[in-house]
Amino acid sequence: MAKTYKNRDFPILKVEELPPVTATALKNTTADVLDQLATQGAVAITRHDKPKAVLLSIERFEQLTGHGDDWLADLHEEYRGMLEKMQAPEQKEAAIRAFNATPEELGKAAVAAAMRKAREVK
């Protein structure tokens, strides 16, 4: 079965339809392969006639990852916000209580949380 990869903004990429480049050719003629990437966008690196990797041009990579959107910066900002919330004094105190809780206290807390969740679902 053919492996396919796509994102919402770019057509399906089929590994079997990419021009093949042997691992040896990549090693011996890297400059030629890079020129090929500039015109074709991607190549399948093969070893013993089986695709082992895909090499993408920077343009194709940016297309597949969101046209240069700054999603990583957005994700980092979201993470920083969550980290700041976790560093709040009440969160630190709750973590200390959880780490110092007995098995019985943890069990009761788990049952109580499950019951709250069950009431929310109804």
PDB file of N, CA and C in Angstrom:
ATOM      1  N   MET A   1       0.847  -1.183   0.000  1.00  0.00           N
ATOM      2  CA  MET A   1       0.000   0.000   0.000  1.00  0.00           C
ATOM      3  C   MET A   1       0.892   1.247   0.000  1.00  0.00           C
ATOM      4  N   ALA A   2       0.570   2.205  -0.825  1.00  0.00           N
ATOM      5  CA  ALA A   2       1.362   3.429  -0.951  1.00  0.00           C
ATOM      6  C   ALA A   2       1.180   4.302   0.285  1.00  0.00           C
ATOM      7  N   LYS A   3       2.290   4.847   0.759  1.00  0.00           N
ATOM      8  CA  LYS A   3       2.230   5.791   1.869  1.00  0.00           C
ATOM      9  C   LYS A   3       2.035   7.173   1.292  1.00  0.00           C
ATOM     10  N   THR A   4       1.075   7.919   1.830  1.00  0.00           N
ATOM     11  CA  THR A   4       0.831   9.273   1.346  1.00  0.00           C
ATOM     12  C   THR A   4       0.869  10.234   2.516  1.00  0.00           C
ATOM     13  N   TYR A   5       1.270  11.460   2.213  1.00  0.00           N
ATOM     14  CA  TYR A   5       1.362  12.505   3.213  1.00  0.00           C
ATOM     15  C   TYR A   5       0.720  13.748   2.637  1.00  0.00           C
ATOM     16  N   LYS A   6      -0.029  14.475   3.442  1.00  0.00           N
ATOM     17  CA  LYS A   6      -0.631  15.708   2.944  1.00  0.00           C
ATOM     18  C   LYS A   6      -0.870  16.649   4.106  1.00  0.00           C
ATOM     19  N   ASN A   7      -1.033  17.909   3.760  1.00  0.00           N
ATOM     20  CA  ASN A   7      -1.568  18.854   4.723  1.00  0.00           C
ATOM     21  C   ASN A   7      -2.748  19.523   4.062  1.00  0.00           C
ATOM     22  N   ARG A   8      -3.453  20.352   4.770  1.00  0.00           N
ATOM     23  CA  ARG A   8      -4.697  20.908   4.243  1.00  0.00           C
ATOM     24  C   ARG A   8      -4.495  21.868   3.087  1.00  0.00           C
ATOM     25  N   ASP A   9      -3.299  22.431   2.924  1.00  0.00           N
ATOM     26  CA  ASP A   9      -3.062  23.445   1.911  1.00  0.00           C
ATOM     27  C   ASP A   9      -2.244  22.953   0.726  1.00  0.00           C
ATOM     28  N   PHE A  10      -1.865  21.682   0.710  1.00  0.00           N
ATOM     29  CA  PHE A  10      -0.976  21.234  -0.354  1.00  0.00           C
ATOM     30  C   PHE A  10      -1.408  19.860  -0.820  1.00  0.00           C
ATOM     31  N   PRO A  11      -1.253  19.551  -2.092  1.00  0.00           N
ATOM     32  CA  PRO A  11      -1.689  18.256  -2.606  1.00  0.00           C
ATOM     33  C   PRO A  11      -0.979  17.082  -1.935  1.00  0.00           C
ATOM     34  N   ILE A  12      -1.569  15.932  -2.115  1.00  0.00           N
ATOM     35  CA  ILE A  12      -1.025  14.699  -1.560  1.00  0.00           C
ATOM     36  C   ILE A  12       0.366  14.436  -2.139  1.00  0.00           C
ATOM     37  N   LEU A  13       1.259  13.997  -1.288  1.00  0.00           N
ATOM     38  CA  LEU A  13       2.624  13.658  -1.675  1.00  0.00           C
ATOM     39  C   LEU A  13       2.752  12.142  -1.570  1.00  0.00           C
ATOM     40  N   LYS A  14       2.974  11.461  -2.706  1.00  0.00           N
ATOM     41  CA  LYS A  14       3.121  10.007  -2.711  1.00  0.00           C
ATOM     42  C   LYS A  14       4.588   9.666  -2.861  1.00  0.00           C
ATOM     43  N   VAL A  15       5.105   8.924  -1.905  1.00  0.00           N
ATOM     44  CA  VAL A  15       6.519   8.577  -1.901  1.00  0.00           C
ATOM     45  C   VAL A  15       6.888   7.843  -3.181  1.00  0.00           C
ATOM     46  N   GLU A  16       6.039   6.930  -3.639  1.00  0.00           N
ATOM     47  CA  GLU A  16       6.342   6.140  -4.828  1.00  0.00           C
ATOM     48  C   GLU A  16       6.410   6.992  -6.096  1.00  0.00           C
ATOM     49  N   GLU A  17       5.824   8.167  -6.100  1.00  0.00           N
ATOM     50  CA  GLU A  17       5.837   9.026  -7.279  1.00  0.00           C
ATOM     51  C   GLU A  17       7.012  10.002  -7.286  1.00  0.00           C
ATOM     52  N   LEU A  18       7.775  10.055  -6.202  1.00  0.00           N
ATOM     53  CA  LEU A  18       8.932  10.948  -6.153  1.00  0.00           C
ATOM     54  C   LEU A  18      10.063  10.365  -6.981  1.00  0.00           C
ATOM     55  N   PRO A  19      10.884  11.226  -7.602  1.00  0.00           N
ATOM     56  CA  PRO A  19      12.032  10.702  -8.317  1.00  0.00           C
ATOM     57  C   PRO A  19      12.998  10.039  -7.336  1.00  0.00           C
ATOM     58  N   PRO A  20      13.432   8.816  -7.638  1.00  0.00           N
ATOM     59  CA  PRO A  20      14.334   8.135  -6.706  1.00  0.00           C
ATOM     60  C   PRO A  20      15.778   8.598  -6.872  1.00  0.00           C
ATOM     61  N   VAL A  21      16.488   8.641  -5.758  1.00  0.00           N
ATOM     62  CA  VAL A  21      17.916   8.917  -5.731  1.00  0.00           C
ATOM     63  C   VAL A  21      18.519   7.887  -4.787  1.00  0.00           C
ATOM     64  N   THR A  22      19.482   7.145  -5.258  1.00  0.00           N
ATOM     65  CA  THR A  22      20.092   6.138  -4.386  1.00  0.00           C
ATOM     66  C   THR A  22      20.927   6.827  -3.316  1.00  0.00           C
ATOM     67  N   ALA A  23      21.096   6.144  -2.214  1.00  0.00           N
ATOM     68  CA  ALA A  23      21.919   6.691  -1.135  1.00  0.00           C
ATOM     69  C   ALA A  23      23.346   6.928  -1.632  1.00  0.00           C
ATOM     70  N   THR A  24      23.823   6.047  -2.495  1.00  0.00           N
ATOM     71  CA  THR A  24      25.172   6.216  -3.050  1.00  0.00           C
ATOM     72  C   THR A  24      25.255   7.464  -3.912  1.00  0.00           C
ATOM     73  N   ALA A  25      24.233   7.687  -4.752  1.00  0.00           N
ATOM     74  CA  ALA A  25      24.229   8.890  -5.594  1.00  0.00           C
ATOM     75  C   ALA A  25      24.170  10.145  -4.729  1.00  0.00           C
ATOM     76  N   LEU A  26      23.399  10.093  -3.658  1.00  0.00           N
ATOM     77  CA  LEU A  26      23.329  11.240  -2.751  1.00  0.00           C
ATOM     78  C   LEU A  26      24.699  11.524  -2.159  1.00  0.00           C
ATOM     79  N   LYS A  27      25.392  10.475  -1.748  1.00  0.00           N
ATOM     80  CA  LYS A  27      26.714  10.634  -1.149  1.00  0.00           C
ATOM     81  C   LYS A  27      27.716  11.172  -2.165  1.00  0.00           C
ATOM     82  N   ASN A  28      27.675  10.661  -3.377  1.00  0.00           N
ATOM     83  CA  ASN A  28      28.686  10.997  -4.377  1.00  0.00           C
ATOM     84  C   ASN A  28      28.378  12.260  -5.177  1.00  0.00           C
ATOM     85  N   THR A  29      27.099  12.614  -5.297  1.00  0.00           N
ATOM     86  CA  THR A  29      26.727  13.761  -6.135  1.00  0.00           C
ATOM     87  C   THR A  29      25.724  14.651  -5.429  1.00  0.00           C
ATOM     88  N   THR A  30      26.041  15.035  -4.214  1.00  0.00           N
ATOM     89  CA  THR A  30      25.123  15.842  -3.403  1.00  0.00           C
ATOM     90  C   THR A  30      24.701  17.115  -4.124  1.00  0.00           C
ATOM     91  N   ALA A  31      25.623  17.800  -4.776  1.00  0.00           N
ATOM     92  CA  ALA A  31      25.296  19.056  -5.465  1.00  0.00           C
ATOM     93  C   ALA A  31      24.264  18.814  -6.553  1.00  0.00           C
ATOM     94  N   ASP A  32      24.398  17.713  -7.288  1.00  0.00           N
ATOM     95  CA  ASP A  32      23.429  17.394  -8.341  1.00  0.00           C
ATOM     96  C   ASP A  32      22.050  17.106  -7.751  1.00  0.00           C
ATOM     97  N   VAL A  33      22.028  16.397  -6.636  1.00  0.00           N
ATOM     98  CA  VAL A  33      20.745  16.099  -5.984  1.00  0.00           C
ATOM     99  C   VAL A  33      20.103  17.390  -5.490  1.00  0.00           C
ATOM    100  N   LEU A  34      20.874  18.309  -4.950  1.00  0.00           N
ATOM    101  CA  LEU A  34      20.325  19.593  -4.500  1.00  0.00           C
ATOM    102  C   LEU A  34      19.761  20.380  -5.683  1.00  0.00           C
ATOM    103  N   ASP A  35      20.427  20.322  -6.839  1.00  0.00           N
ATOM    104  CA  ASP A  35      19.881  20.958  -8.043  1.00  0.00           C
ATOM    105  C   ASP A  35      18.567  20.311  -8.439  1.00  0.00           C
ATOM    106  N   GLN A  36      18.493  19.000  -8.326  1.00  0.00           N
ATOM    107  CA  GLN A  36      17.261  18.277  -8.639  1.00  0.00           C
ATOM    108  C   GLN A  36      16.140  18.700  -7.685  1.00  0.00           C
ATOM    109  N   LEU A  37      16.465  18.895  -6.426  1.00  0.00           N
ATOM    110  CA  LEU A  37      15.466  19.351  -5.452  1.00  0.00           C
ATOM    111  C   LEU A  37      14.915  20.718  -5.829  1.00  0.00           C
ATOM    112  N   ALA A  38      15.788  21.580  -6.323  1.00  0.00           N
ATOM    113  CA  ALA A  38      15.355  22.928  -6.690  1.00  0.00           C
ATOM    114  C   ALA A  38      14.300  22.890  -7.786  1.00  0.00           C
ATOM    115  N   THR A  39      14.381  21.924  -8.676  1.00  0.00           N
ATOM    116  CA  THR A  39      13.408  21.860  -9.770  1.00  0.00           C
ATOM    117  C   THR A  39      12.229  20.950  -9.461  1.00  0.00           C
ATOM    118  N   GLN A  40      12.452  19.891  -8.668  1.00  0.00           N
ATOM    119  CA  GLN A  40      11.384  18.920  -8.443  1.00  0.00           C
ATOM    120  C   GLN A  40      10.754  19.009  -7.057  1.00  0.00           C
ATOM    121  N   GLY A  41      11.395  19.671  -6.129  1.00  0.00           N
ATOM    122  CA  GLY A  41      10.808  19.870  -4.805  1.00  0.00           C
ATOM    123  C   GLY A  41      11.073  18.778  -3.794  1.00  0.00           C
ATOM    124  N   ALA A  42      11.200  17.524  -4.265  1.00  0.00           N
ATOM    125  CA  ALA A  42      11.428  16.416  -3.339  1.00  0.00           C
ATOM    126  C   ALA A  42      11.966  15.224  -4.110  1.00  0.00           C
ATOM    127  N   VAL A  43      12.724  14.389  -3.426  1.00  0.00           N
ATOM    128  CA  VAL A  43      13.186  13.125  -3.988  1.00  0.00           C
ATOM    129  C   VAL A  43      13.101  12.066  -2.903  1.00  0.00           C
ATOM    130  N   ALA A  44      12.942  10.822  -3.346  1.00  0.00           N
ATOM    131  CA  ALA A  44      12.944   9.695  -2.421  1.00  0.00           C
ATOM    132  C   ALA A  44      14.345   9.108  -2.417  1.00  0.00           C
ATOM    133  N   ILE A  45      14.960   9.020  -1.254  1.00  0.00           N
ATOM    134  CA  ILE A  45      16.270   8.411  -1.122  1.00  0.00           C
ATOM    135  C   ILE A  45      16.053   6.912  -0.947  1.00  0.00           C
ATOM    136  N   THR A  46      16.656   6.133  -1.827  1.00  0.00           N
ATOM    137  CA  THR A  46      16.442   4.691  -1.809  1.00  0.00           C
ATOM    138  C   THR A  46      17.703   3.958  -1.395  1.00  0.00           C
ATOM    139  N   ARG A  47      17.482   2.791  -0.851  1.00  0.00           N
ATOM    140  CA  ARG A  47      18.577   1.884  -0.539  1.00  0.00           C
ATOM    141  C   ARG A  47      18.087   0.497  -0.901  1.00  0.00           C
ATOM    142  N   HIS A  48      18.804  -0.170  -1.756  1.00  0.00           N
ATOM    143  CA  HIS A  48      18.389  -1.477  -2.275  1.00  0.00           C
ATOM    144  C   HIS A  48      16.993  -1.382  -2.902  1.00  0.00           C
ATOM    145  N   ASP A  49      16.783  -0.312  -3.656  1.00  0.00           N
ATOM    146  CA  ASP A  49      15.542  -0.059  -4.400  1.00  0.00           C
ATOM    147  C   ASP A  49      14.307   0.139  -3.527  1.00  0.00           C
ATOM    148  N   LYS A  50      14.493   0.404  -2.235  1.00  0.00           N
ATOM    149  CA  LYS A  50      13.363   0.672  -1.350  1.00  0.00           C
ATOM    150  C   LYS A  50      13.506   2.084  -0.791  1.00  0.00           C
ATOM    151  N   PRO A  51      12.425   2.869  -0.807  1.00  0.00           N
ATOM    152  CA  PRO A  51      12.501   4.221  -0.231  1.00  0.00           C
ATOM    153  C   PRO A  51      12.827   4.150   1.256  1.00  0.00           C
ATOM    154  N   LYS A  52      13.835   4.918   1.668  1.00  0.00           N
ATOM    155  CA  LYS A  52      14.248   4.961   3.067  1.00  0.00           C
ATOM    156  C   LYS A  52      14.052   6.335   3.686  1.00  0.00           C
ATOM    157  N   ALA A  53      14.012   7.382   2.844  1.00  0.00           N
ATOM    158  CA  ALA A  53      13.862   8.748   3.345  1.00  0.00           C
ATOM    159  C   ALA A  53      13.363   9.628   2.209  1.00  0.00           C
ATOM    160  N   VAL A  54      12.875  10.791   2.586  1.00  0.00           N
ATOM    161  CA  VAL A  54      12.461  11.792   1.610  1.00  0.00           C
ATOM    162  C   VAL A  54      13.261  13.046   1.885  1.00  0.00           C
ATOM    163  N   LEU A  55      13.826  13.612   0.842  1.00  0.00           N
ATOM    164  CA  LEU A  55      14.591  14.845   0.943  1.00  0.00           C
ATOM    165  C   LEU A  55      13.781  15.935   0.261  1.00  0.00           C
ATOM    166  N   LEU A  56      13.521  17.020   0.984  1.00  0.00           N
ATOM    167  CA  LEU A  56      12.676  18.103   0.489  1.00  0.00           C
ATOM    168  C   LEU A  56      13.479  19.368   0.270  1.00  0.00           C
ATOM    169  N   SER A  57      13.075  20.152  -0.724  1.00  0.00           N
ATOM    170  CA  SER A  57      13.628  21.493  -0.860  1.00  0.00           C
ATOM    171  C   SER A  57      13.069  22.341   0.279  1.00  0.00           C
ATOM    172  N   ILE A  58      13.724  23.436   0.580  1.00  0.00           N
ATOM    173  CA  ILE A  58      13.239  24.299   1.656  1.00  0.00           C
ATOM    174  C   ILE A  58      11.862  24.861   1.311  1.00  0.00           C
ATOM    175  N   GLU A  59      11.645  25.158   0.047  1.00  0.00           N
ATOM    176  CA  GLU A  59      10.333  25.685  -0.371  1.00  0.00           C
ATOM    177  C   GLU A  59       9.236  24.656  -0.123  1.00  0.00           C
ATOM    178  N   ARG A  60       9.492  23.402  -0.504  1.00  0.00           N
ATOM    179  CA  ARG A  60       8.496  22.341  -0.305  1.00  0.00           C
ATOM    180  C   ARG A  60       8.265  22.108   1.190  1.00  0.00           C
ATOM    181  N   PHE A  61       9.329  22.128   1.962  1.00  0.00           N
ATOM    182  CA  PHE A  61       9.203  21.954   3.405  1.00  0.00           C
ATOM    183  C   PHE A  61       8.312  23.043   4.006  1.00  0.00           C
ATOM    184  N   GLU A  62       8.537  24.290   3.624  1.00  0.00           N
ATOM    185  CA  GLU A  62       7.726  25.396   4.148  1.00  0.00           C
ATOM    186  C   GLU A  62       6.279  25.263   3.719  1.00  0.00           C
ATOM    187  N   GLN A  63       6.037  24.783   2.500  1.00  0.00           N
ATOM    188  CA  GLN A  63       4.664  24.560   2.051  1.00  0.00           C
ATOM    189  C   GLN A  63       3.983  23.500   2.910  1.00  0.00           C
ATOM    190  N   LEU A  64       4.688  22.428   3.178  1.00  0.00           N
ATOM    191  CA  LEU A  64       4.105  21.322   3.941  1.00  0.00           C
ATOM    192  C   LEU A  64       3.927  21.644   5.415  1.00  0.00           C
ATOM    193  N   THR A  65       4.712  22.576   5.916  1.00  0.00           N
ATOM    194  CA  THR A  65       4.618  22.897   7.342  1.00  0.00           C
ATOM    195  C   THR A  65       3.836  24.164   7.620  1.00  0.00           C
ATOM    196  N   GLY A  66       3.160  24.691   6.642  1.00  0.00           N
ATOM    197  CA  GLY A  66       2.271  25.820   6.910  1.00  0.00           C
ATOM    198  C   GLY A  66       2.713  27.133   6.323  1.00  0.00           C
ATOM    199  N   HIS A  67       3.420  27.113   5.220  1.00  0.00           N
ATOM    200  CA  HIS A  67       3.777  28.338   4.497  1.00  0.00           C
ATOM    201  C   HIS A  67       4.489  29.353   5.379  1.00  0.00           C
ATOM    202  N   GLY A  68       5.358  28.875   6.227  1.00  0.00           N
ATOM    203  CA  GLY A  68       6.147  29.795   7.046  1.00  0.00           C
ATOM    204  C   GLY A  68       5.377  30.377   8.227  1.00  0.00           C
ATOM    205  N   ASP A  69       4.190  29.828   8.524  1.00  0.00           N
ATOM    206  CA  ASP A  69       3.461  30.307   9.699  1.00  0.00           C
ATOM    207  C   ASP A  69       4.347  30.185  10.926  1.00  0.00           C
ATOM    208  N   ASP A  70       4.152  31.063  11.851  1.00  0.00           N
ATOM    209  CA  ASP A  70       4.977  31.039  13.043  1.00  0.00           C
ATOM    210  C   ASP A  70       4.301  30.187  14.119  1.00  0.00           C
ATOM    211  N   TRP A  71       3.936  28.963  13.745  1.00  0.00           N
ATOM    212  CA  TRP A  71       3.221  28.086  14.669  1.00  0.00           C
ATOM    213  C   TRP A  71       4.091  27.696  15.850  1.00  0.00           C
ATOM    214  N   LEU A  72       5.400  27.586  15.628  1.00  0.00           N
ATOM    215  CA  LEU A  72       6.272  27.205  16.733  1.00  0.00           C
ATOM    216  C   LEU A  72       6.316  28.299  17.794  1.00  0.00           C
ATOM    217  N   ALA A  73       6.356  29.556  17.354  1.00  0.00           N
ATOM    218  CA  ALA A  73       6.345  30.666  18.311  1.00  0.00           C
ATOM    219  C   ALA A  73       5.017  30.690  19.073  1.00  0.00           C
ATOM    220  N   ASP A  74       3.914  30.415  18.383  1.00  0.00           N
ATOM    221  CA  ASP A  74       2.604  30.363  19.045  1.00  0.00           C
ATOM    222  C   ASP A  74       2.569  29.242  20.087  1.00  0.00           C
ATOM    223  N   LEU A  75       3.105  28.090  19.710  1.00  0.00           N
ATOM    224  CA  LEU A  75       3.145  26.964  20.633  1.00  0.00           C
ATOM    225  C   LEU A  75       4.019  27.288  21.842  1.00  0.00           C
ATOM    226  N   HIS A  76       5.142  27.931  21.589  1.00  0.00           N
ATOM    227  CA  HIS A  76       6.043  28.325  22.684  1.00  0.00           C
ATOM    228  C   HIS A  76       5.342  29.299  23.629  1.00  0.00           C
ATOM    229  N   GLU A  77       4.614  30.246  23.074  1.00  0.00           N
ATOM    230  CA  GLU A  77       3.893  31.215  23.904  1.00  0.00           C
ATOM    231  C   GLU A  77       2.819  30.525  24.751  1.00  0.00           C
ATOM    232  N   GLU A  78       2.117  29.571  24.149  1.00  0.00           N
ATOM    233  CA  GLU A  78       1.102  28.824  24.893  1.00  0.00           C
ATOM    234  C   GLU A  78       1.748  28.032  26.030  1.00  0.00           C
ATOM    235  N   TYR A  79       2.877  27.401  25.736  1.00  0.00           N
ATOM    236  CA  TYR A  79       3.601  26.637  26.756  1.00  0.00           C
ATOM    237  C   TYR A  79       4.042  27.537  27.900  1.00  0.00           C
ATOM    238  N   ARG A  80       4.591  28.725  27.553  1.00  0.00           N
ATOM    239  CA  ARG A  80       5.047  29.653  28.589  1.00  0.00           C
ATOM    240  C   ARG A  80       3.882  30.052  29.493  1.00  0.00           C
ATOM    241  N   GLY A  81       2.699  30.274  28.907  1.00  0.00           N
ATOM    242  CA  GLY A  81       1.525  30.621  29.702  1.00  0.00           C
ATOM    243  C   GLY A  81       1.149  29.508  30.665  1.00  0.00           C
ATOM    244  N   MET A  82       1.182  28.268  30.180  1.00  0.00           N
ATOM    245  CA  MET A  82       0.863  27.139  31.053  1.00  0.00           C
ATOM    246  C   MET A  82       1.912  26.985  32.143  1.00  0.00           C
ATOM    247  N   LEU A  83       3.172  27.185  31.780  1.00  0.00           N
ATOM    248  CA  LEU A  83       4.249  27.079  32.763  1.00  0.00           C
ATOM    249  C   LEU A  83       4.095  28.134  33.856  1.00  0.00           C
ATOM    250  N   GLU A  84       3.753  29.346  33.466  1.00  0.00           N
ATOM    251  CA  GLU A  84       3.556  30.409  34.456  1.00  0.00           C
ATOM    252  C   GLU A  84       2.426  30.056  35.418  1.00  0.00           C
ATOM    253  N   LYS A  85       1.330  29.494  34.891  1.00  0.00           N
ATOM    254  CA  LYS A  85       0.226  29.087  35.757  1.00  0.00           C
ATOM    255  C   LYS A  85       0.660  28.001  36.726  1.00  0.00           C
ATOM    256  N   MET A  86       1.502  27.085  36.252  1.00  0.00           N
ATOM    257  CA  MET A  86       1.963  25.990  37.116  1.00  0.00           C
ATOM    258  C   MET A  86       2.916  26.485  38.196  1.00  0.00           C
ATOM    259  N   GLN A  87       3.514  27.649  37.992  1.00  0.00           N
ATOM    260  CA  GLN A  87       4.447  28.192  38.963  1.00  0.00           C
ATOM    261  C   GLN A  87       3.761  29.051  40.028  1.00  0.00           C
ATOM    262  N   ALA A  88       2.461  29.260  39.903  1.00  0.00           N
ATOM    263  CA  ALA A  88       1.725  30.057  40.879  1.00  0.00           C
ATOM    264  C   ALA A  88       1.808  29.385  42.257  1.00  0.00           C
ATOM    265  N   PRO A  89       1.821  30.159  43.324  1.00  0.00           N
ATOM    266  CA  PRO A  89       1.964  29.587  44.671  1.00  0.00           C
ATOM    267  C   PRO A  89       0.934  28.505  44.990  1.00  0.00           C
ATOM    268  N   GLU A  90      -0.327  28.724  44.591  1.00  0.00           N
ATOM    269  CA  GLU A  90      -1.351  27.723  44.918  1.00  0.00           C
ATOM    270  C   GLU A  90      -1.103  26.407  44.174  1.00  0.00           C
ATOM    271  N   GLN A  91      -0.543  26.483  42.953  1.00  0.00           N
ATOM    272  CA  GLN A  91      -0.227  25.264  42.204  1.00  0.00           C
ATOM    273  C   GLN A  91       0.951  24.521  42.844  1.00  0.00           C
ATOM    274  N   LYS A  92       1.926  25.288  43.285  1.00  0.00           N
ATOM    275  CA  LYS A  92       3.075  24.660  43.954  1.00  0.00           C
ATOM    276  C   LYS A  92       2.620  23.953  45.231  1.00  0.00           C
ATOM    277  N   GLU A  93       1.740  24.607  45.998  1.00  0.00           N
ATOM    278  CA  GLU A  93       1.237  24.006  47.242  1.00  0.00           C
ATOM    279  C   GLU A  93       0.445  22.740  46.941  1.00  0.00           C
ATOM    280  N   ALA A  94      -0.364  22.779  45.880  1.00  0.00           N
ATOM    281  CA  ALA A  94      -1.152  21.599  45.509  1.00  0.00           C
ATOM    282  C   ALA A  94      -0.234  20.445  45.105  1.00  0.00           C
ATOM    283  N   ALA A  95       0.835  20.749  44.388  1.00  0.00           N
ATOM    284  CA  ALA A  95       1.780  19.703  43.983  1.00  0.00           C
ATOM    285  C   ALA A  95       2.458  19.091  45.209  1.00  0.00           C
ATOM    286  N   ILE A  96       2.832  19.915  46.155  1.00  0.00           N
ATOM    287  CA  ILE A  96       3.470  19.410  47.381  1.00  0.00           C
ATOM    288  C   ILE A  96       2.499  18.511  48.141  1.00  0.00           C
ATOM    289  N   ARG A  97       1.219  18.954  48.232  1.00  0.00           N
ATOM    290  CA  ARG A  97       0.219  18.124  48.911  1.00  0.00           C
ATOM    291  C   ARG A  97       0.051  16.782  48.204  1.00  0.00           C
ATOM    292  N   ALA A  98       0.040  16.801  46.866  1.00  0.00           N
ATOM    293  CA  ALA A  98      -0.133  15.560  46.106  1.00  0.00           C
ATOM    294  C   ALA A  98       1.050  14.614  46.324  1.00  0.00           C
ATOM    295  N   PHE A  99       2.264  15.155  46.308  1.00  0.00           N
ATOM    296  CA  PHE A  99       3.440  14.309  46.504  1.00  0.00           C
ATOM    297  C   PHE A  99       3.520  13.763  47.924  1.00  0.00           C
ATOM    298  N   ASN A 100       2.973  14.477  48.885  1.00  0.00           N
ATOM    299  CA  ASN A 100       3.021  14.038  50.273  1.00  0.00           C
ATOM    300  C   ASN A 100       1.780  13.259  50.704  1.00  0.00           C
ATOM    301  N   ALA A 101       0.814  13.097  49.809  1.00  0.00           N
ATOM    302  CA  ALA A 101      -0.442  12.421  50.154  1.00  0.00           C
ATOM    303  C   ALA A 101      -0.208  10.926  50.356  1.00  0.00           C
ATOM    304  N   THR A 102      -1.008  10.358  51.245  1.00  0.00           N
ATOM    305  CA  THR A 102      -0.962   8.906  51.458  1.00  0.00           C
ATOM    306  C   THR A 102      -1.727   8.220  50.322  1.00  0.00           C
ATOM    307  N   PRO A 103      -1.533   6.933  50.135  1.00  0.00           N
ATOM    308  CA  PRO A 103      -2.299   6.216  49.112  1.00  0.00           C
ATOM    309  C   PRO A 103      -3.807   6.335  49.322  1.00  0.00           C
ATOM    310  N   GLU A 104      -4.232   6.342  50.580  1.00  0.00           N
ATOM    311  CA  GLU A 104      -5.664   6.467  50.865  1.00  0.00           C
ATOM    312  C   GLU A 104      -6.184   7.835  50.431  1.00  0.00           C
ATOM    313  N   GLU A 105      -5.416   8.886  50.716  1.00  0.00           N
ATOM    314  CA  GLU A 105      -5.825  10.241  50.314  1.00  0.00           C
ATOM    315  C   GLU A 105      -5.872  10.364  48.789  1.00  0.00           C
ATOM    316  N   LEU A 106      -4.907   9.771  48.101  1.00  0.00           N
ATOM    317  CA  LEU A 106      -4.910   9.804  46.639  1.00  0.00           C
ATOM    318  C   LEU A 106      -6.116   9.049  46.079  1.00  0.00           C
ATOM    319  N   GLY A 107      -6.435   7.906  46.687  1.00  0.00           N
ATOM    320  CA  GLY A 107      -7.593   7.129  46.247  1.00  0.00           C
ATOM    321  C   GLY A 107      -8.899   7.913  46.408  1.00  0.00           C
ATOM    322  N   LYS A 108      -9.057   8.554  47.564  1.00  0.00           N
ATOM    323  CA  LYS A 108     -10.262   9.361  47.800  1.00  0.00           C
ATOM    324  C   LYS A 108     -10.354  10.518  46.809  1.00  0.00           C
ATOM    325  N   ALA A 109      -9.221  11.158  46.546  1.00  0.00           N
ATOM    326  CA  ALA A 109      -9.213  12.278  45.597  1.00  0.00           C
ATOM    327  C   ALA A 109      -9.564  11.805  44.194  1.00  0.00           C
ATOM    328  N   ALA A 110      -9.076  10.621  43.807  1.00  0.00           N
ATOM    329  CA  ALA A 110      -9.380  10.082  42.486  1.00  0.00           C
ATOM    330  C   ALA A 110     -10.865   9.762  42.357  1.00  0.00           C
ATOM    331  N   VAL A 111     -11.448   9.162  43.393  1.00  0.00           N
ATOM    332  CA  VAL A 111     -12.879   8.833  43.366  1.00  0.00           C
ATOM    333  C   VAL A 111     -13.697  10.119  43.292  1.00  0.00           C
ATOM    334  N   ALA A 112     -13.333  11.106  44.078  1.00  0.00           N
ATOM    335  CA  ALA A 112     -14.069  12.374  44.069  1.00  0.00           C
ATOM    336  C   ALA A 112     -13.986  13.033  42.693  1.00  0.00           C
ATOM    337  N   ALA A 113     -12.820  13.023  42.069  1.00  0.00           N
ATOM    338  CA  ALA A 113     -12.663  13.626  40.740  1.00  0.00           C
ATOM    339  C   ALA A 113     -13.488  12.871  39.706  1.00  0.00           C
ATOM    340  N   ALA A 114     -13.508  11.541  39.795  1.00  0.00           N
ATOM    341  CA  ALA A 114     -14.292  10.739  38.859  1.00  0.00           C
ATOM    342  C   ALA A 114     -15.780  11.013  39.017  1.00  0.00           C
ATOM    343  N   MET A 115     -16.232  11.184  40.264  1.00  0.00           N
ATOM    344  CA  MET A 115     -17.652  11.468  40.501  1.00  0.00           C
ATOM    345  C   MET A 115     -18.013  12.848  39.954  1.00  0.00           C
ATOM    346  N   ARG A 116     -17.125  13.836  40.138  1.00  0.00           N
ATOM    347  CA  ARG A 116     -17.384  15.176  39.582  1.00  0.00           C
ATOM    348  C   ARG A 116     -17.486  15.109  38.067  1.00  0.00           C
ATOM    349  N   LYS A 117     -16.585  14.363  37.460  1.00  0.00           N
ATOM    350  CA  LYS A 117     -16.577  14.227  36.006  1.00  0.00           C
ATOM    351  C   LYS A 117     -17.863  13.554  35.530  1.00  0.00           C
ATOM    352  N   ALA A 118     -18.301  12.519  36.245  1.00  0.00           N
ATOM    353  CA  ALA A 118     -19.540  11.823  35.880  1.00  0.00           C
ATOM    354  C   ALA A 118     -20.744  12.738  35.949  1.00  0.00           C
ATOM    355  N   ARG A 119     -20.779  13.633  36.959  1.00  0.00           N
ATOM    356  CA  ARG A 119     -21.891  14.589  37.082  1.00  0.00           C
ATOM    357  C   ARG A 119     -21.861  15.591  35.935  1.00  0.00           C
ATOM    358  N   GLU A 120     -20.655  15.992  35.501  1.00  0.00           N
ATOM    359  CA  GLU A 120     -20.523  16.943  34.396  1.00  0.00           C
ATOM    360  C   GLU A 120     -21.023  16.350  33.088  1.00  0.00           C
ATOM    361  N   VAL A 121     -20.819  15.063  32.905  1.00  0.00           N
ATOM    362  CA  VAL A 121     -21.193  14.395  31.663  1.00  0.00           C
ATOM    363  C   VAL A 121     -22.704  14.278  31.546  1.00  0.00           C
ATOM    364  N   LYS A 122     -23.381  14.113  32.667  1.00  0.00           N
ATOM    365  CA  LYS A 122     -24.850  13.955  32.651  1.00  0.00           C
ATOM    366  C   LYS A 122     -25.531  15.158  32.195  1.00  0.00           C
TER     367      LYS A 122
END
